[in-house]
């Protein structure tokens, strides 16, 4: 990108002055001047992953991570009168903003830790996490939800289920399961 800007600046300077004898220092100063005019945040131009996050309304990956954590922390455990945050099932360090897809969609990996290695409701908890994030964010992101490595006896099977679109759609069509999810993710009043 820098070489493109230098080339464009030298083209505009050579047309304006009729020569291409600008020194490197002059070109660099001109680049700084023009790019600072284009920037939004005190001289910083977002590019790559940060540009996508800025487009979506986040300052950086940490801002998106914190937004998602704030959504998840209020999910209630299906069995206990506590939130997933209270039980340390979800935690801020378990949310990872990954490299966007080739089609420029943000990718977020969420890791959770069931309270016991044989938790029968781990799939339901994963479904609650997915539904809460998908409903809570105003834009499309790719979610990868996983049980923390080694934290559950059937983690591979559950990871497949909670990342399979068809299984998720089928689960949400079941009225009893949908009611369980809705009760877990509804906001406190």
C-alpha atoms as a PDB file:
ATOM      1  CA  UNK A   1       0.000   0.000   0.000  1.00  0.00           C
ATOM      2  CA  UNK A   2       2.865   2.365   0.821  1.00  0.00           C
ATOM      3  CA  UNK A   3       4.475   1.822  -2.583  1.00  0.00           C
ATOM      4  CA  UNK A   4       1.140   2.597  -4.248  1.00  0.00           C
ATOM      5  CA  UNK A   5       0.851   5.877  -2.319  1.00  0.00           C
ATOM      6  CA  UNK A   6       4.460   6.809  -3.152  1.00  0.00           C
ATOM      7  CA  UNK A   7       3.842   6.095  -6.842  1.00  0.00           C
ATOM      8  CA  UNK A   8       0.656   8.173  -6.894  1.00  0.00           C
ATOM      9  CA  UNK A   9       2.352  11.036  -5.065  1.00  0.00           C
ATOM     10  CA  UNK A  10       5.315  11.032  -7.415  1.00  0.00           C
ATOM     11  CA  UNK A  11       2.986  10.950 -10.422  1.00  0.00           C
ATOM     12  CA  UNK A  12       1.019  13.932  -9.117  1.00  0.00           C
ATOM     13  CA  UNK A  13       4.224  15.789  -8.200  1.00  0.00           C
ATOM     14  CA  UNK A  14       5.839  15.146 -11.582  1.00  0.00           C
ATOM     15  CA  UNK A  15       2.752  16.384 -13.391  1.00  0.00           C
ATOM     16  CA  UNK A  16       2.576  19.471 -11.176  1.00  0.00           C
ATOM     17  CA  UNK A  17       6.269  20.384 -11.307  1.00  0.00           C
ATOM     18  CA  UNK A  18       7.248  18.878 -14.633  1.00  0.00           C
ATOM     19  CA  UNK A  19      10.109  16.923 -13.070  1.00  0.00           C
ATOM     20  CA  UNK A  20      10.658  13.870 -10.900  1.00  0.00           C
ATOM     21  CA  UNK A  21      13.528  15.213  -8.792  1.00  0.00           C
ATOM     22  CA  UNK A  22      11.792  15.203  -5.386  1.00  0.00           C
ATOM     23  CA  UNK A  23      13.943  13.922  -2.604  1.00  0.00           C
ATOM     24  CA  UNK A  24      12.935  10.892  -0.570  1.00  0.00           C
ATOM     25  CA  UNK A  25      12.440  13.070   2.501  1.00  0.00           C
ATOM     26  CA  UNK A  26      10.064  15.357   0.624  1.00  0.00           C
ATOM     27  CA  UNK A  27       8.072  12.393  -0.691  1.00  0.00           C
ATOM     28  CA  UNK A  28       7.902  10.857   2.792  1.00  0.00           C
ATOM     29  CA  UNK A  29       6.733  14.142   4.307  1.00  0.00           C
ATOM     30  CA  UNK A  30       4.069  14.443   1.627  1.00  0.00           C
ATOM     31  CA  UNK A  31       2.899  10.874   2.282  1.00  0.00           C
ATOM     32  CA  UNK A  32       2.558  11.614   5.990  1.00  0.00           C
ATOM     33  CA  UNK A  33       0.677  14.847   5.290  1.00  0.00           C
ATOM     34  CA  UNK A  34      -1.787  13.278   2.848  1.00  0.00           C
ATOM     35  CA  UNK A  35      -2.378  10.082   4.804  1.00  0.00           C
ATOM     36  CA  UNK A  36      -3.007  12.010   8.012  1.00  0.00           C
ATOM     37  CA  UNK A  37      -5.645  14.005   6.147  1.00  0.00           C
ATOM     38  CA  UNK A  38      -7.326  10.732   5.090  1.00  0.00           C
ATOM     39  CA  UNK A  39      -7.262   9.100   8.525  1.00  0.00           C
ATOM     40  CA  UNK A  40     -10.057   8.933  11.058  1.00  0.00           C
ATOM     41  CA  UNK A  41      -8.273   8.290  14.357  1.00  0.00           C
ATOM     42  CA  UNK A  42      -5.490  10.795  15.019  1.00  0.00           C
ATOM     43  CA  UNK A  43      -3.231   9.822  12.160  1.00  0.00           C
ATOM     44  CA  UNK A  44      -3.884   6.078  12.181  1.00  0.00           C
ATOM     45  CA  UNK A  45      -5.299   4.424   9.102  1.00  0.00           C
ATOM     46  CA  UNK A  46      -6.922   1.075   9.709  1.00  0.00           C
ATOM     47  CA  UNK A  47      -6.058  -1.675   7.262  1.00  0.00           C
ATOM     48  CA  UNK A  48      -6.531  -5.423   7.045  1.00  0.00           C
ATOM     49  CA  UNK A  49      -8.405  -6.956   9.970  1.00  0.00           C
ATOM     50  CA  UNK A  50      -8.644  -3.642  11.821  1.00  0.00           C
ATOM     51  CA  UNK A  51     -10.273  -1.985   8.809  1.00  0.00           C
ATOM     52  CA  UNK A  52     -13.003  -4.624   8.845  1.00  0.00           C
ATOM     53  CA  UNK A  53     -13.517  -4.155  12.590  1.00  0.00           C
ATOM     54  CA  UNK A  54     -13.656  -0.353  12.150  1.00  0.00           C
ATOM     55  CA  UNK A  55     -16.267  -0.848   9.430  1.00  0.00           C
ATOM     56  CA  UNK A  56     -18.364  -2.882  11.866  1.00  0.00           C
ATOM     57  CA  UNK A  57     -18.050  -0.184  14.544  1.00  0.00           C
ATOM     58  CA  UNK A  58     -15.281  -1.612  16.763  1.00  0.00           C
ATOM     59  CA  UNK A  59     -12.020   0.109  17.669  1.00  0.00           C
ATOM     60  CA  UNK A  60     -10.065  -3.156  17.520  1.00  0.00           C
ATOM     61  CA  UNK A  61     -10.280  -6.905  18.157  1.00  0.00           C
ATOM     62  CA  UNK A  62     -10.351  -6.374  21.932  1.00  0.00           C
ATOM     63  CA  UNK A  63     -13.427  -4.159  21.572  1.00  0.00           C
ATOM     64  CA  UNK A  64     -15.268  -6.928  19.680  1.00  0.00           C
ATOM     65  CA  UNK A  65     -14.088  -9.503  22.230  1.00  0.00           C
ATOM     66  CA  UNK A  66     -15.424  -7.396  25.118  1.00  0.00           C
ATOM     67  CA  UNK A  67     -18.738  -6.820  23.323  1.00  0.00           C
ATOM     68  CA  UNK A  68     -19.226 -10.556  22.865  1.00  0.00           C
ATOM     69  CA  UNK A  69     -18.248 -11.287  26.460  1.00  0.00           C
ATOM     70  CA  UNK A  70     -20.791  -8.738  27.688  1.00  0.00           C
ATOM     71  CA  UNK A  71     -23.468 -10.606  25.720  1.00  0.00           C
ATOM     72  CA  UNK A  72     -22.444 -14.024  27.038  1.00  0.00           C
ATOM     73  CA  UNK A  73     -21.939 -13.193  30.688  1.00  0.00           C
ATOM     74  CA  UNK A  74     -25.694 -12.945  31.333  1.00  0.00           C
ATOM     75  CA  UNK A  75     -26.617 -16.404  29.969  1.00  0.00           C
ATOM     76  CA  UNK A  76     -28.091 -18.478  32.771  1.00  0.00           C
ATOM     77  CA  UNK A  77     -27.098 -22.069  33.441  1.00  0.00           C
ATOM     78  CA  UNK A  78     -29.904 -24.475  32.473  1.00  0.00           C
ATOM     79  CA  UNK A  79     -29.721 -26.310  35.852  1.00  0.00           C
ATOM     80  CA  UNK A  80     -28.376 -23.879  38.419  1.00  0.00           C
ATOM     81  CA  UNK A  81     -29.612 -20.400  39.394  1.00  0.00           C
ATOM     82  CA  UNK A  82     -26.328 -18.831  38.238  1.00  0.00           C
ATOM     83  CA  UNK A  83     -24.945 -17.293  35.091  1.00  0.00           C
ATOM     84  CA  UNK A  84     -22.305 -18.982  32.962  1.00  0.00           C
ATOM     85  CA  UNK A  85     -19.904 -16.258  34.078  1.00  0.00           C
ATOM     86  CA  UNK A  86     -20.546 -17.058  37.773  1.00  0.00           C
ATOM     87  CA  UNK A  87     -19.727 -20.723  37.108  1.00  0.00           C
ATOM     88  CA  UNK A  88     -16.639 -19.882  34.999  1.00  0.00           C
ATOM     89  CA  UNK A  89     -18.162 -21.731  32.058  1.00  0.00           C
ATOM     90  CA  UNK A  90     -17.444 -18.699  29.879  1.00  0.00           C
ATOM     91  CA  UNK A  91     -14.540 -16.348  30.407  1.00  0.00           C
ATOM     92  CA  UNK A  92     -13.078 -13.392  28.556  1.00  0.00           C
ATOM     93  CA  UNK A  93      -9.854 -15.220  27.651  1.00  0.00           C
ATOM     94  CA  UNK A  94     -11.966 -17.844  25.854  1.00  0.00           C
ATOM     95  CA  UNK A  95     -13.059 -15.425  23.125  1.00  0.00           C
ATOM     96  CA  UNK A  96     -10.701 -15.110  20.165  1.00  0.00           C
ATOM     97  CA  UNK A  97     -11.059 -12.771  17.194  1.00  0.00           C
ATOM     98  CA  UNK A  98      -9.517 -14.656  14.288  1.00  0.00           C
ATOM     99  CA  UNK A  99      -8.417 -13.674  10.773  1.00  0.00           C
ATOM    100  CA  UNK A 100     -11.437 -12.796   8.563  1.00  0.00           C
ATOM    101  CA  UNK A 101     -12.583 -15.186   5.852  1.00  0.00           C
ATOM    102  CA  UNK A 102     -11.678 -14.619   2.190  1.00  0.00           C
ATOM    103  CA  UNK A 103     -15.100 -13.035   1.747  1.00  0.00           C
ATOM    104  CA  UNK A 104     -14.204 -10.536   4.516  1.00  0.00           C
ATOM    105  CA  UNK A 105     -16.414 -11.913   7.289  1.00  0.00           C
ATOM    106  CA  UNK A 106     -15.139 -11.615  10.851  1.00  0.00           C
ATOM    107  CA  UNK A 107     -14.409 -14.940  12.554  1.00  0.00           C
ATOM    108  CA  UNK A 108     -14.815 -15.350  16.298  1.00  0.00           C
ATOM    109  CA  UNK A 109     -13.896 -18.503  18.209  1.00  0.00           C
ATOM    110  CA  UNK A 110     -15.594 -18.973  21.561  1.00  0.00           C
ATOM    111  CA  UNK A 111     -14.314 -21.579  23.965  1.00  0.00           C
ATOM    112  CA  UNK A 112     -16.316 -22.650  26.998  1.00  0.00           C
ATOM    113  CA  UNK A 113     -15.584 -24.917  29.918  1.00  0.00           C
ATOM    114  CA  UNK A 114     -18.415 -27.126  31.259  1.00  0.00           C
ATOM    115  CA  UNK A 115     -18.462 -27.430  35.042  1.00  0.00           C
ATOM    116  CA  UNK A 116     -17.956 -31.223  34.954  1.00  0.00           C
ATOM    117  CA  UNK A 117     -16.391 -33.541  32.311  1.00  0.00           C
ATOM    118  CA  UNK A 118     -19.670 -35.421  31.864  1.00  0.00           C
ATOM    119  CA  UNK A 119     -22.000 -32.378  31.715  1.00  0.00           C
ATOM    120  CA  UNK A 120     -25.170 -33.517  29.963  1.00  0.00           C
ATOM    121  CA  UNK A 121     -26.142 -29.965  29.037  1.00  0.00           C
ATOM    122  CA  UNK A 122     -22.925 -28.913  27.263  1.00  0.00           C
ATOM    123  CA  UNK A 123     -24.646 -29.021  23.868  1.00  0.00           C
ATOM    124  CA  UNK A 124     -27.483 -26.840  25.161  1.00  0.00           C
ATOM    125  CA  UNK A 125     -24.972 -24.361  26.609  1.00  0.00           C
ATOM    126  CA  UNK A 126     -23.168 -24.194  23.249  1.00  0.00           C
ATOM    127  CA  UNK A 127     -26.493 -23.593  21.504  1.00  0.00           C
ATOM    128  CA  UNK A 128     -27.335 -20.803  23.956  1.00  0.00           C
ATOM    129  CA  UNK A 129     -23.960 -19.158  23.301  1.00  0.00           C
ATOM    130  CA  UNK A 130     -24.513 -19.305  19.525  1.00  0.00           C
ATOM    131  CA  UNK A 131     -28.063 -17.932  19.641  1.00  0.00           C
ATOM    132  CA  UNK A 132     -27.175 -15.127  22.074  1.00  0.00           C
ATOM    133  CA  UNK A 133     -24.229 -13.890  19.965  1.00  0.00           C
ATOM    134  CA  UNK A 134     -26.080 -14.173  16.649  1.00  0.00           C
ATOM    135  CA  UNK A 135     -29.017 -12.192  18.016  1.00  0.00           C
ATOM    136  CA  UNK A 136     -26.910  -9.712  19.957  1.00  0.00           C
ATOM    137  CA  UNK A 137     -24.628  -8.490  17.177  1.00  0.00           C
ATOM    138  CA  UNK A 138     -26.077  -6.290  14.431  1.00  0.00           C
ATOM    139  CA  UNK A 139     -23.801  -7.770  11.768  1.00  0.00           C
ATOM    140  CA  UNK A 140     -22.840 -11.141  10.358  1.00  0.00           C
ATOM    141  CA  UNK A 141     -19.874 -12.988  11.841  1.00  0.00           C
ATOM    142  CA  UNK A 142     -18.681 -16.563  11.564  1.00  0.00           C
ATOM    143  CA  UNK A 143     -18.867 -18.226  14.958  1.00  0.00           C
ATOM    144  CA  UNK A 144     -16.774 -21.233  15.923  1.00  0.00           C
ATOM    145  CA  UNK A 145     -17.843 -22.531  19.335  1.00  0.00           C
ATOM    146  CA  UNK A 146     -15.818 -25.197  21.099  1.00  0.00           C
ATOM    147  CA  UNK A 147     -15.557 -26.895  24.445  1.00  0.00           C
ATOM    148  CA  UNK A 148     -12.172 -26.262  26.053  1.00  0.00           C
ATOM    149  CA  UNK A 149      -9.742 -29.013  25.049  1.00  0.00           C
ATOM    150  CA  UNK A 150      -9.861 -31.888  27.536  1.00  0.00           C
ATOM    151  CA  UNK A 151     -12.785 -30.443  29.527  1.00  0.00           C
ATOM    152  CA  UNK A 152     -15.475 -32.929  28.445  1.00  0.00           C
ATOM    153  CA  UNK A 153     -15.651 -36.648  27.732  1.00  0.00           C
ATOM    154  CA  UNK A 154     -17.453 -36.203  24.383  1.00  0.00           C
ATOM    155  CA  UNK A 155     -16.064 -32.832  23.336  1.00  0.00           C
ATOM    156  CA  UNK A 156     -15.461 -33.774  19.671  1.00  0.00           C
ATOM    157  CA  UNK A 157     -19.048 -34.924  19.177  1.00  0.00           C
ATOM    158  CA  UNK A 158     -20.480 -31.873  20.923  1.00  0.00           C
ATOM    159  CA  UNK A 159     -18.184 -29.508  18.987  1.00  0.00           C
ATOM    160  CA  UNK A 160     -19.525 -30.988  15.731  1.00  0.00           C
ATOM    161  CA  UNK A 161     -23.119 -30.533  16.861  1.00  0.00           C
ATOM    162  CA  UNK A 162     -22.810 -26.916  17.963  1.00  0.00           C
ATOM    163  CA  UNK A 163     -21.017 -25.901  14.757  1.00  0.00           C
ATOM    164  CA  UNK A 164     -23.347 -27.701  12.313  1.00  0.00           C
ATOM    165  CA  UNK A 165     -25.896 -25.303  10.783  1.00  0.00           C
ATOM    166  CA  UNK A 166     -28.432 -28.015  10.007  1.00  0.00           C
ATOM    167  CA  UNK A 167     -28.344 -29.442  13.525  1.00  0.00           C
ATOM    168  CA  UNK A 168     -28.684 -25.951  15.002  1.00  0.00           C
ATOM    169  CA  UNK A 169     -31.692 -25.187  12.781  1.00  0.00           C
ATOM    170  CA  UNK A 170     -33.322 -28.517  13.679  1.00  0.00           C
ATOM    171  CA  UNK A 171     -32.720 -27.941  17.394  1.00  0.00           C
ATOM    172  CA  UNK A 172     -34.285 -24.477  17.269  1.00  0.00           C
ATOM    173  CA  UNK A 173     -37.375 -25.897  15.536  1.00  0.00           C
ATOM    174  CA  UNK A 174     -38.051 -28.098  18.573  1.00  0.00           C
ATOM    175  CA  UNK A 175     -40.446 -26.017  20.731  1.00  0.00           C
ATOM    176  CA  UNK A 176     -39.259 -27.487  24.059  1.00  0.00           C
ATOM    177  CA  UNK A 177     -35.590 -26.937  23.254  1.00  0.00           C
ATOM    178  CA  UNK A 178     -36.285 -23.457  21.900  1.00  0.00           C
ATOM    179  CA  UNK A 179     -38.074 -22.571  25.155  1.00  0.00           C
ATOM    180  CA  UNK A 180     -35.079 -23.811  27.194  1.00  0.00           C
ATOM    181  CA  UNK A 181     -32.710 -21.675  25.093  1.00  0.00           C
ATOM    182  CA  UNK A 182     -34.963 -18.620  25.354  1.00  0.00           C
ATOM    183  CA  UNK A 183     -35.138 -18.949  29.136  1.00  0.00           C
ATOM    184  CA  UNK A 184     -31.346 -19.219  29.411  1.00  0.00           C
ATOM    185  CA  UNK A 185     -30.567 -16.242  27.173  1.00  0.00           C
ATOM    186  CA  UNK A 186     -33.291 -13.791  28.154  1.00  0.00           C
ATOM    187  CA  UNK A 187     -32.018 -10.628  29.774  1.00  0.00           C
ATOM    188  CA  UNK A 188     -32.753  -9.954  33.429  1.00  0.00           C
ATOM    189  CA  UNK A 189     -35.374  -7.319  34.068  1.00  0.00           C
END
